[in-house]
Amino acid sequence: MRKDHRPYYVKRYYVKFQKWYAQYFLAHQFEYFGKGVVFMKPWQVEVFGGPVYLGDYTTVIATPDRKVRFSVWPVWMGRGKIEIGSYSLICPGTRIMSATSVKMGESCMTAQNVSIADADWHGLYDRSMPVGSTKEVIIGNNVWIGDSAIVGKGVTIGDNAVIGAGSVVVKDIPANAIAAGNPATVIKYLDPDIPLKTRKDWLEHPAKLAADFEMIDRATMKGNSIAGWFRSMLFPRQGD
């Protein structure tokens, strides 16, 4: 669909339902469930084990074909934790798996299908070993991890770094670096003379931002009707 044919009030109810679902079914699964968090299709988010910390004003987007998974294992040994900083963005298909510690700073972004793990999950010589070698992963503030990138155990990624799509990160990446490849290597650095704007800056005034989005929704959905919405789903036509 090119256009959202729903009446404005239907979308508002849908947004409220997603918020209710996240609070009722997901919030208790997190060690910390931040204020102002936003979930899109929260029923496609899976939490296994804990503790998992979800920072304030974080956005988590999931889809039926690309679930978001937070897994801490082995749960019975009291090991492992996942910490996601405030203002971060977790996109569909992201998987974060911990046996020791995965810590992500604030204003970070993971694109689709990103995988982050702090363990091998099997022994190199003893394949029956359920965890194998494990070492914490530390991701700084304002880090952007591109589509389908893989971040392995023991890696530290510095503040503001960008990891290119499809990269495999097995060694530390310094702050302000742009890295890509398999294995990922630094290809250049951000220009220090150009100011950075983070998601924290964008979400600094959440009430105003929500009001702006509401105004846009009202304008783009003006004139939509229930009949038109059902028609677009049952009898789609050119331009829908």
C-alpha atoms as a PDB file:
ATOM      1  CA  MET A   1       0.000   0.000   0.000  1.00  0.00           C
ATOM      2  CA  ARG A   2       1.264   3.457  -0.904  1.00  0.00           C
ATOM      3  CA  LYS A   3      -1.115   5.100   1.512  1.00  0.00           C
ATOM      4  CA  ASP A   4      -2.531   4.365   4.943  1.00  0.00           C
ATOM      5  CA  HIS A   5      -6.265   4.245   4.237  1.00  0.00           C
ATOM      6  CA  ARG A   6      -7.294   3.921   7.869  1.00  0.00           C
ATOM      7  CA  PRO A   7      -9.320   6.699   9.458  1.00  0.00           C
ATOM      8  CA  TYR A   8      -7.191   8.723  11.845  1.00  0.00           C
ATOM      9  CA  TYR A   9      -9.024   7.515  14.949  1.00  0.00           C
ATOM     10  CA  VAL A  10      -8.460   3.853  13.961  1.00  0.00           C
ATOM     11  CA  LYS A  11      -4.718   4.440  13.853  1.00  0.00           C
ATOM     12  CA  ARG A  12      -4.839   6.188  17.225  1.00  0.00           C
ATOM     13  CA  TYR A  13      -6.641   3.210  18.769  1.00  0.00           C
ATOM     14  CA  TYR A  14      -4.112   0.848  17.167  1.00  0.00           C
ATOM     15  CA  VAL A  15      -1.193   2.813  18.636  1.00  0.00           C
ATOM     16  CA  LYS A  16      -2.844   2.729  22.063  1.00  0.00           C
ATOM     17  CA  PHE A  17      -3.419  -1.006  21.727  1.00  0.00           C
ATOM     18  CA  GLN A  18       0.277  -1.583  20.955  1.00  0.00           C
ATOM     19  CA  LYS A  19       1.226   0.471  23.998  1.00  0.00           C
ATOM     20  CA  TRP A  20      -1.186  -1.493  26.198  1.00  0.00           C
ATOM     21  CA  TYR A  21       0.091  -4.814  24.834  1.00  0.00           C
ATOM     22  CA  ALA A  22       3.716  -3.867  25.519  1.00  0.00           C
ATOM     23  CA  GLN A  23       2.918  -2.784  29.070  1.00  0.00           C
ATOM     24  CA  TYR A  24       0.753  -5.821  29.848  1.00  0.00           C
ATOM     25  CA  PHE A  25       2.686  -8.621  28.161  1.00  0.00           C
ATOM     26  CA  LEU A  26       6.277  -7.388  27.772  1.00  0.00           C
ATOM     27  CA  ALA A  27       7.120  -4.904  30.516  1.00  0.00           C
ATOM     28  CA  HIS A  28       7.355  -7.507  33.289  1.00  0.00           C
ATOM     29  CA  GLN A  29       9.861  -9.517  31.240  1.00  0.00           C
ATOM     30  CA  PHE A  30      12.410  -6.687  31.405  1.00  0.00           C
ATOM     31  CA  GLU A  31      14.539  -5.869  34.429  1.00  0.00           C
ATOM     32  CA  TYR A  32      14.040  -2.228  33.529  1.00  0.00           C
ATOM     33  CA  PHE A  33      11.351  -1.042  31.135  1.00  0.00           C
ATOM     34  CA  GLY A  34      12.024   2.609  30.360  1.00  0.00           C
ATOM     35  CA  LYS A  35       9.556   5.445  30.251  1.00  0.00           C
ATOM     36  CA  GLY A  36       8.378   6.577  26.841  1.00  0.00           C
ATOM     37  CA  VAL A  37       9.367   3.331  25.092  1.00  0.00           C
ATOM     38  CA  VAL A  38       7.621   2.695  21.772  1.00  0.00           C
ATOM     39  CA  PHE A  39       6.913  -0.736  20.296  1.00  0.00           C
ATOM     40  CA  MET A  40       5.661  -1.420  16.791  1.00  0.00           C
ATOM     41  CA  LYS A  41       4.072  -4.886  16.675  1.00  0.00           C
ATOM     42  CA  PRO A  42       5.191  -5.795  20.206  1.00  0.00           C
ATOM     43  CA  TRP A  43       3.702  -9.302  19.817  1.00  0.00           C
ATOM     44  CA  GLN A  44       6.637 -10.020  17.478  1.00  0.00           C
ATOM     45  CA  VAL A  45       9.200  -9.299  20.233  1.00  0.00           C
ATOM     46  CA  GLU A  46      10.603 -12.238  22.204  1.00  0.00           C
ATOM     47  CA  VAL A  47      12.459 -12.052  25.522  1.00  0.00           C
ATOM     48  CA  PHE A  48      14.215 -15.163  26.805  1.00  0.00           C
ATOM     49  CA  GLY A  49      15.894 -15.113  30.191  1.00  0.00           C
ATOM     50  CA  GLY A  50      17.262 -11.982  31.797  1.00  0.00           C
ATOM     51  CA  PRO A  51      18.096  -9.498  33.019  1.00  0.00           C
ATOM     52  CA  VAL A  52      17.325  -7.274  30.025  1.00  0.00           C
ATOM     53  CA  TYR A  53      17.328  -3.492  30.486  1.00  0.00           C
ATOM     54  CA  LEU A  54      15.479  -1.289  27.986  1.00  0.00           C
ATOM     55  CA  GLY A  55      16.318   2.404  28.211  1.00  0.00           C
ATOM     56  CA  ASP A  56      13.952   5.375  28.221  1.00  0.00           C
ATOM     57  CA  TYR A  57      12.426   6.519  24.899  1.00  0.00           C
ATOM     58  CA  THR A  58      13.753   3.514  23.030  1.00  0.00           C
ATOM     59  CA  THR A  59      11.892   2.393  19.892  1.00  0.00           C
ATOM     60  CA  VAL A  60      11.606  -1.306  19.036  1.00  0.00           C
ATOM     61  CA  ILE A  61      10.175  -2.277  15.637  1.00  0.00           C
ATOM     62  CA  ALA A  62       9.338  -5.878  14.792  1.00  0.00           C
ATOM     63  CA  THR A  63       7.527  -7.586  11.909  1.00  0.00           C
ATOM     64  CA  PRO A  64       6.049 -11.081  11.497  1.00  0.00           C
ATOM     65  CA  ASP A  65       8.935 -12.200   9.279  1.00  0.00           C
ATOM     66  CA  ARG A  66      11.619 -10.402  11.293  1.00  0.00           C
ATOM     67  CA  LYS A  67      11.082 -10.832  15.007  1.00  0.00           C
ATOM     68  CA  VAL A  68      13.212  -8.976  17.540  1.00  0.00           C
ATOM     69  CA  ARG A  69      14.829 -11.313  20.079  1.00  0.00           C
ATOM     70  CA  PHE A  70      16.593 -10.583  23.355  1.00  0.00           C
ATOM     71  CA  SER A  71      18.121 -13.779  24.756  1.00  0.00           C
ATOM     72  CA  VAL A  72      20.133 -14.229  27.966  1.00  0.00           C
ATOM     73  CA  TRP A  73      21.500 -17.733  28.456  1.00  0.00           C
ATOM     74  CA  PRO A  74      22.160 -19.825  30.502  1.00  0.00           C
ATOM     75  CA  VAL A  75      19.461 -18.450  32.768  1.00  0.00           C
ATOM     76  CA  TRP A  76      19.965 -21.038  35.530  1.00  0.00           C
ATOM     77  CA  MET A  77      23.549 -19.939  36.204  1.00  0.00           C
ATOM     78  CA  GLY A  78      22.646 -16.305  36.823  1.00  0.00           C
ATOM     79  CA  ARG A  79      24.999 -15.145  34.095  1.00  0.00           C
ATOM     80  CA  GLY A  80      24.483 -12.828  31.180  1.00  0.00           C
ATOM     81  CA  LYS A  81      22.706  -9.520  30.769  1.00  0.00           C
ATOM     82  CA  ILE A  82      21.606  -7.156  28.039  1.00  0.00           C
ATOM     83  CA  GLU A  83      21.562  -3.385  28.546  1.00  0.00           C
ATOM     84  CA  ILE A  84      20.145  -1.060  25.883  1.00  0.00           C
ATOM     85  CA  GLY A  85      20.647   2.651  26.441  1.00  0.00           C
ATOM     86  CA  SER A  86      18.001   5.348  26.218  1.00  0.00           C
ATOM     87  CA  TYR A  87      16.817   6.816  22.899  1.00  0.00           C
ATOM     88  CA  SER A  88      17.988   3.785  20.934  1.00  0.00           C
ATOM     89  CA  LEU A  89      16.336   2.271  17.852  1.00  0.00           C
ATOM     90  CA  ILE A  90      16.036  -1.492  17.403  1.00  0.00           C
ATOM     91  CA  CYS A  91      14.833  -2.465  13.914  1.00  0.00           C
ATOM     92  CA  PRO A  92      13.178  -5.689  12.681  1.00  0.00           C
ATOM     93  CA  GLY A  93      15.177  -8.893  12.803  1.00  0.00           C
ATOM     94  CA  THR A  94      17.651  -7.683  15.427  1.00  0.00           C
ATOM     95  CA  ARG A  95      18.921 -10.476  17.688  1.00  0.00           C
ATOM     96  CA  ILE A  96      20.903  -9.730  20.837  1.00  0.00           C
ATOM     97  CA  MET A  97      22.225 -12.779  22.692  1.00  0.00           C
ATOM     98  CA  SER A  98      24.207 -12.768  25.908  1.00  0.00           C
ATOM     99  CA  ALA A  99      25.966 -15.270  28.154  1.00  0.00           C
ATOM    100  CA  THR A 100      28.137 -12.621  29.849  1.00  0.00           C
ATOM    101  CA  SER A 101      27.182  -9.035  28.983  1.00  0.00           C
ATOM    102  CA  VAL A 102      26.057  -6.988  25.991  1.00  0.00           C
ATOM    103  CA  LYS A 103      25.965  -3.292  26.771  1.00  0.00           C
ATOM    104  CA  MET A 104      24.717  -0.715  24.260  1.00  0.00           C
ATOM    105  CA  GLY A 105      24.949   3.024  24.921  1.00  0.00           C
ATOM    106  CA  GLU A 106      22.315   5.657  24.311  1.00  0.00           C
ATOM    107  CA  SER A 107      21.067   6.830  20.893  1.00  0.00           C
ATOM    108  CA  CYS A 108      22.277   3.663  19.162  1.00  0.00           C
ATOM    109  CA  MET A 109      20.613   2.246  16.054  1.00  0.00           C
ATOM    110  CA  THR A 110      20.522  -1.329  14.784  1.00  0.00           C
ATOM    111  CA  ALA A 111      19.248  -1.798  11.228  1.00  0.00           C
ATOM    112  CA  GLN A 112      17.384  -4.898  10.031  1.00  0.00           C
ATOM    113  CA  ASN A 113      18.766  -8.360  10.817  1.00  0.00           C
ATOM    114  CA  VAL A 114      21.620  -7.198  13.034  1.00  0.00           C
ATOM    115  CA  SER A 115      23.073  -9.946  15.233  1.00  0.00           C
ATOM    116  CA  ILE A 116      25.021  -9.226  18.422  1.00  0.00           C
ATOM    117  CA  ALA A 117      26.390 -12.018  20.618  1.00  0.00           C
ATOM    118  CA  ASP A 118      28.976 -12.246  23.382  1.00  0.00           C
ATOM    119  CA  ALA A 119      29.604 -16.014  23.041  1.00  0.00           C
ATOM    120  CA  ASP A 120      30.437 -18.737  20.526  1.00  0.00           C
ATOM    121  CA  TRP A 121      27.530 -20.858  21.875  1.00  0.00           C
ATOM    122  CA  HIS A 122      29.509 -24.086  21.437  1.00  0.00           C
ATOM    123  CA  GLY A 123      32.988 -25.180  22.452  1.00  0.00           C
ATOM    124  CA  LEU A 124      35.577 -25.124  19.685  1.00  0.00           C
ATOM    125  CA  TYR A 125      36.670 -28.699  20.463  1.00  0.00           C
ATOM    126  CA  ASP A 126      33.810 -29.845  22.689  1.00  0.00           C
ATOM    127  CA  ARG A 127      30.728 -29.188  20.574  1.00  0.00           C
ATOM    128  CA  SER A 128      28.471 -30.383  23.382  1.00  0.00           C
ATOM    129  CA  MET A 129      29.538 -27.375  25.473  1.00  0.00           C
ATOM    130  CA  PRO A 130      26.439 -25.121  25.433  1.00  0.00           C
ATOM    131  CA  VAL A 131      28.132 -21.685  25.678  1.00  0.00           C
ATOM    132  CA  GLY A 132      31.764 -21.998  24.658  1.00  0.00           C
ATOM    133  CA  SER A 133      34.055 -18.998  24.819  1.00  0.00           C
ATOM    134  CA  THR A 134      32.333 -15.811  26.002  1.00  0.00           C
ATOM    135  CA  LYS A 135      33.451 -12.224  26.529  1.00  0.00           C
ATOM    136  CA  GLU A 136      31.423  -9.039  27.005  1.00  0.00           C
ATOM    137  CA  VAL A 137      30.429  -6.758  24.130  1.00  0.00           C
ATOM    138  CA  ILE A 138      30.494  -2.991  24.694  1.00  0.00           C
ATOM    139  CA  ILE A 139      28.847  -0.626  22.204  1.00  0.00           C
ATOM    140  CA  GLY A 140      29.298   3.094  22.831  1.00  0.00           C
ATOM    141  CA  ASN A 141      26.866   5.968  22.442  1.00  0.00           C
ATOM    142  CA  ASN A 142      25.341   6.966  19.095  1.00  0.00           C
ATOM    143  CA  VAL A 143      26.601   3.866  17.270  1.00  0.00           C
ATOM    144  CA  TRP A 144      24.880   2.909  14.001  1.00  0.00           C
ATOM    145  CA  ILE A 145      25.060  -0.773  13.040  1.00  0.00           C
ATOM    146  CA  GLY A 146      24.056  -1.420   9.424  1.00  0.00           C
ATOM    147  CA  ASP A 147      21.769  -3.998   7.843  1.00  0.00           C
ATOM    148  CA  SER A 148      22.673  -7.660   8.514  1.00  0.00           C
ATOM    149  CA  ALA A 149      25.888  -6.796  10.365  1.00  0.00           C
ATOM    150  CA  ILE A 150      27.241  -9.295  12.907  1.00  0.00           C
ATOM    151  CA  VAL A 151      29.000  -8.205  16.107  1.00  0.00           C
ATOM    152  CA  GLY A 152      30.979 -10.958  17.801  1.00  0.00           C
ATOM    153  CA  LYS A 153      32.169 -11.609  21.339  1.00  0.00           C
ATOM    154  CA  GLY A 154      34.707  -9.410  23.104  1.00  0.00           C
ATOM    155  CA  VAL A 155      34.214  -6.455  20.767  1.00  0.00           C
ATOM    156  CA  THR A 156      34.184  -2.805  21.827  1.00  0.00           C
ATOM    157  CA  ILE A 157      32.715  -0.264  19.387  1.00  0.00           C
ATOM    158  CA  GLY A 158      33.478   3.367  20.183  1.00  0.00           C
ATOM    159  CA  ASP A 159      31.093   6.312  20.348  1.00  0.00           C
ATOM    160  CA  ASN A 160      29.566   7.542  17.066  1.00  0.00           C
ATOM    161  CA  ALA A 161      31.014   4.661  15.036  1.00  0.00           C
ATOM    162  CA  VAL A 162      29.203   3.397  11.929  1.00  0.00           C
ATOM    163  CA  ILE A 163      29.278  -0.295  10.992  1.00  0.00           C
ATOM    164  CA  GLY A 164      28.556  -0.941   7.314  1.00  0.00           C
ATOM    165  CA  ALA A 165      25.857  -3.306   6.072  1.00  0.00           C
ATOM    166  CA  GLY A 166      26.821  -6.980   6.081  1.00  0.00           C
ATOM    167  CA  SER A 167      29.964  -6.414   8.129  1.00  0.00           C
ATOM    168  CA  VAL A 168      31.357  -8.976  10.557  1.00  0.00           C
ATOM    169  CA  VAL A 169      32.903  -7.235  13.563  1.00  0.00           C
ATOM    170  CA  VAL A 170      35.426  -9.403  15.403  1.00  0.00           C
ATOM    171  CA  LYS A 171      37.867  -6.712  16.567  1.00  0.00           C
ATOM    172  CA  ASP A 172      37.466  -3.373  18.339  1.00  0.00           C
ATOM    173  CA  ILE A 173      36.313  -0.380  16.291  1.00  0.00           C
ATOM    174  CA  PRO A 174      37.452   3.048  17.544  1.00  0.00           C
ATOM    175  CA  ALA A 175      35.197   6.013  18.183  1.00  0.00           C
ATOM    176  CA  ASN A 176      34.052   8.087  15.188  1.00  0.00           C
ATOM    177  CA  ALA A 177      35.172   5.406  12.729  1.00  0.00           C
ATOM    178  CA  ILE A 178      33.300   4.054   9.726  1.00  0.00           C
ATOM    179  CA  ALA A 179      34.063   0.356   9.377  1.00  0.00           C
ATOM    180  CA  ALA A 180      32.949  -2.246   6.853  1.00  0.00           C
ATOM    181  CA  GLY A 181      33.824  -5.663   5.499  1.00  0.00           C
ATOM    182  CA  ASN A 182      34.440  -9.215   6.696  1.00  0.00           C
ATOM    183  CA  PRO A 183      36.269  -8.873   8.965  1.00  0.00           C
ATOM    184  CA  ALA A 184      35.271  -5.236   9.519  1.00  0.00           C
ATOM    185  CA  THR A 185      38.083  -2.708   9.172  1.00  0.00           C
ATOM    186  CA  VAL A 186      38.137   1.066   9.432  1.00  0.00           C
ATOM    187  CA  ILE A 187      37.737   2.714   6.033  1.00  0.00           C
ATOM    188  CA  LYS A 188      37.554   6.321   7.206  1.00  0.00           C
ATOM    189  CA  TYR A 189      36.639   8.591  10.116  1.00  0.00           C
ATOM    190  CA  LEU A 190      33.816  11.060  10.622  1.00  0.00           C
ATOM    191  CA  ASP A 191      34.653  14.684   9.886  1.00  0.00           C
ATOM    192  CA  PRO A 192      35.226  16.338  13.304  1.00  0.00           C
ATOM    193  CA  ASP A 193      34.178  19.709  11.885  1.00  0.00           C
ATOM    194  CA  ILE A 194      30.637  18.535  11.128  1.00  0.00           C
ATOM    195  CA  PRO A 195      28.378  18.520  14.218  1.00  0.00           C
ATOM    196  CA  LEU A 196      26.570  15.302  15.099  1.00  0.00           C
ATOM    197  CA  LYS A 197      22.862  15.159  15.877  1.00  0.00           C
ATOM    198  CA  THR A 198      21.745  12.107  17.836  1.00  0.00           C
ATOM    199  CA  ARG A 199      18.400  10.445  18.527  1.00  0.00           C
ATOM    200  CA  LYS A 200      18.602  11.962  22.002  1.00  0.00           C
ATOM    201  CA  ASP A 201      18.689  15.408  20.417  1.00  0.00           C
ATOM    202  CA  TRP A 202      15.735  14.496  18.185  1.00  0.00           C
ATOM    203  CA  LEU A 203      13.718  13.130  21.129  1.00  0.00           C
ATOM    204  CA  GLU A 204      14.697  15.890  23.541  1.00  0.00           C
ATOM    205  CA  HIS A 205      11.123  17.207  23.615  1.00  0.00           C
ATOM    206  CA  PRO A 206       8.921  14.101  23.290  1.00  0.00           C
ATOM    207  CA  ALA A 207       5.628  15.915  23.869  1.00  0.00           C
ATOM    208  CA  LYS A 208       6.299  18.362  21.028  1.00  0.00           C
ATOM    209  CA  LEU A 209       7.444  15.537  18.758  1.00  0.00           C
ATOM    210  CA  ALA A 210       4.255  13.564  19.486  1.00  0.00           C
ATOM    211  CA  ALA A 211       2.166  16.658  18.710  1.00  0.00           C
ATOM    212  CA  ASP A 212       4.001  17.146  15.416  1.00  0.00           C
ATOM    213  CA  PHE A 213       3.384  13.529  14.394  1.00  0.00           C
ATOM    214  CA  GLU A 214      -0.273  13.843  15.336  1.00  0.00           C
ATOM    215  CA  MET A 215      -0.618  16.904  13.137  1.00  0.00           C
ATOM    216  CA  ILE A 216       0.995  15.053  10.217  1.00  0.00           C
ATOM    217  CA  ASP A 217      -1.265  12.028  10.712  1.00  0.00           C
ATOM    218  CA  ARG A 218      -4.379  14.182  10.815  1.00  0.00           C
ATOM    219  CA  ALA A 219      -3.362  15.908   7.595  1.00  0.00           C
ATOM    220  CA  THR A 220      -2.371  12.773   5.657  1.00  0.00           C
ATOM    221  CA  MET A 221      -5.401  10.755   6.815  1.00  0.00           C
ATOM    222  CA  LYS A 222      -7.940  13.495   6.351  1.00  0.00           C
ATOM    223  CA  GLY A 223     -10.965  12.188   4.461  1.00  0.00           C
ATOM    224  CA  ASN A 224     -10.210   8.512   5.138  1.00  0.00           C
ATOM    225  CA  SER A 225     -13.233   6.382   5.976  1.00  0.00           C
ATOM    226  CA  ILE A 226     -13.981   2.886   7.244  1.00  0.00           C
ATOM    227  CA  ALA A 227     -15.565   2.017   3.894  1.00  0.00           C
ATOM    228  CA  GLY A 228     -12.519   3.253   1.985  1.00  0.00           C
ATOM    229  CA  TRP A 229     -10.189   1.355   4.293  1.00  0.00           C
ATOM    230  CA  PHE A 230     -12.018  -1.950   3.786  1.00  0.00           C
ATOM    231  CA  ARG A 231     -12.223  -1.323   0.039  1.00  0.00           C
ATOM    232  CA  SER A 232      -8.435  -0.850  -0.129  1.00  0.00           C
ATOM    233  CA  MET A 233      -7.889  -4.187   1.632  1.00  0.00           C
ATOM    234  CA  LEU A 234     -10.526  -6.241  -0.184  1.00  0.00           C
ATOM    235  CA  PHE A 235     -10.434  -4.622  -3.626  1.00  0.00           C
ATOM    236  CA  PRO A 236      -7.078  -2.860  -4.032  1.00  0.00           C
ATOM    237  CA  ARG A 237      -6.555  -0.760  -7.110  1.00  0.00           C
ATOM    238  CA  GLN A 238      -3.857   1.251  -8.843  1.00  0.00           C
ATOM    239  CA  GLY A 239      -2.509   3.952  -6.549  1.00  0.00           C
ATOM    240  CA  ASP A 240      -3.422   2.288  -3.262  1.00  0.00           C
END
